[in-house]
Amino acid sequence: MGPSCPVFLSFTKLSLWWLLLTPAGGEEAKRPPPRAPGDPLSSPSPTALPQGGSHTETEDRLFKHLFRGYNRWARPVPNTS
């Protein structure tokens, strides 16, 4: 299965949204979202489970994930032709 697999992409999107929607702390941060019994996502995915930490740490993880592989020295140049 390559990265173009629809299931893999949906789990990736789910894990990114989960990072954004994870509460900052408290008991709610430790509890996964409720799922329907027949839901195909009923088995928890390691990337979809919340990780402990503050809201700032969650933001840091999100930005590190979004910008991994980003070359900060590569800049666009104007077209001179």
Protein backbone atom coordinates (compact mmCIF):
# COMPACT_ATOMS: atom_id res chain seq x y z
CA MET A 1 0.00 0.00 0.00
CA GLY A 2 1.43 3.32 -1.02
CA PRO A 3 0.59 6.82 0.19
CA SER A 4 -2.09 7.09 -2.50
CA CYS A 5 -4.26 4.47 -0.75
CA PRO A 6 -7.61 6.12 0.21
CA VAL A 7 -7.68 4.42 3.62
CA PHE A 8 -4.20 5.69 4.47
CA LEU A 9 -5.12 9.22 3.37
CA SER A 10 -8.33 9.20 5.43
CA PHE A 11 -6.41 8.08 8.54
CA THR A 12 -3.84 10.83 7.92
CA LYS A 13 -6.57 13.46 7.62
CA LEU A 14 -8.29 12.07 10.72
CA SER A 15 -5.08 12.26 12.75
CA LEU A 16 -4.45 15.87 11.65
CA TRP A 17 -7.99 16.91 12.57
CA TRP A 18 -7.67 15.05 15.85
CA LEU A 19 -4.62 17.16 16.70
CA LEU A 20 -6.65 20.31 16.10
CA LEU A 21 -9.71 19.12 18.01
CA THR A 22 -7.94 17.65 21.04
CA PRO A 23 -8.88 19.62 24.18
CA ALA A 24 -6.11 21.44 26.01
CA GLY A 25 -6.26 19.27 29.12
CA GLY A 26 -8.41 17.56 31.71
CA GLU A 27 -10.32 14.30 31.49
CA GLU A 28 -11.66 15.05 28.01
CA ALA A 29 -8.10 15.02 26.61
CA LYS A 30 -7.64 11.40 27.74
CA ARG A 31 -10.89 10.08 26.28
CA PRO A 32 -11.18 9.12 22.58
CA PRO A 33 -14.30 10.29 20.71
CA PRO A 34 -17.38 8.03 20.90
CA ARG A 35 -17.83 5.65 17.97
CA ALA A 36 -20.79 3.74 16.60
CA PRO A 37 -20.64 -0.07 16.99
CA GLY A 38 -20.66 -0.71 13.22
CA ASP A 39 -18.17 2.06 12.48
CA PRO A 40 -15.22 0.83 10.35
CA LEU A 41 -12.95 3.04 12.45
CA SER A 42 -13.97 1.25 15.67
CA SER A 43 -10.47 -0.18 16.10
CA PRO A 44 -8.30 2.69 17.31
CA SER A 45 -5.44 3.78 15.10
CA PRO A 46 -2.18 4.73 16.87
CA THR A 47 -2.02 7.96 14.87
CA ALA A 48 -5.60 8.91 15.71
CA LEU A 49 -5.31 8.61 19.48
CA PRO A 50 -4.71 11.78 21.46
CA GLN A 51 -1.30 12.26 22.99
CA GLY A 52 -1.01 13.81 26.44
CA GLY A 53 0.16 17.36 26.73
CA SER A 54 -0.89 20.96 26.71
CA HIS A 55 -2.51 22.89 23.89
CA THR A 56 0.86 24.46 23.06
CA GLU A 57 2.50 21.04 22.72
CA THR A 58 -0.38 19.94 20.46
CA GLU A 59 0.15 23.00 18.25
CA ASP A 60 3.89 22.31 18.13
CA ARG A 61 3.28 18.71 17.02
CA LEU A 62 0.86 19.92 14.33
CA PHE A 63 3.30 22.51 12.94
CA LYS A 64 6.19 20.03 12.98
CA HIS A 65 4.02 17.57 11.06
CA LEU A 66 2.82 20.16 8.54
CA PHE A 67 6.24 21.65 7.85
CA ARG A 68 8.44 18.54 7.93
CA GLY A 69 10.54 18.45 4.79
CA TYR A 70 10.14 22.22 4.31
CA ASN A 71 13.32 23.87 3.09
CA ARG A 72 13.35 27.33 4.66
CA TRP A 73 16.24 28.45 2.46
CA ALA A 74 14.41 27.72 -0.81
CA ARG A 75 12.76 30.97 -1.89
CA PRO A 76 10.79 31.76 -5.02
CA VAL A 77 12.53 34.07 -7.48
CA PRO A 78 10.86 36.48 -9.88
CA ASN A 79 10.62 35.43 -13.51
CA THR A 80 13.06 37.69 -15.43
CA SER A 81 12.04 36.63 -18.93
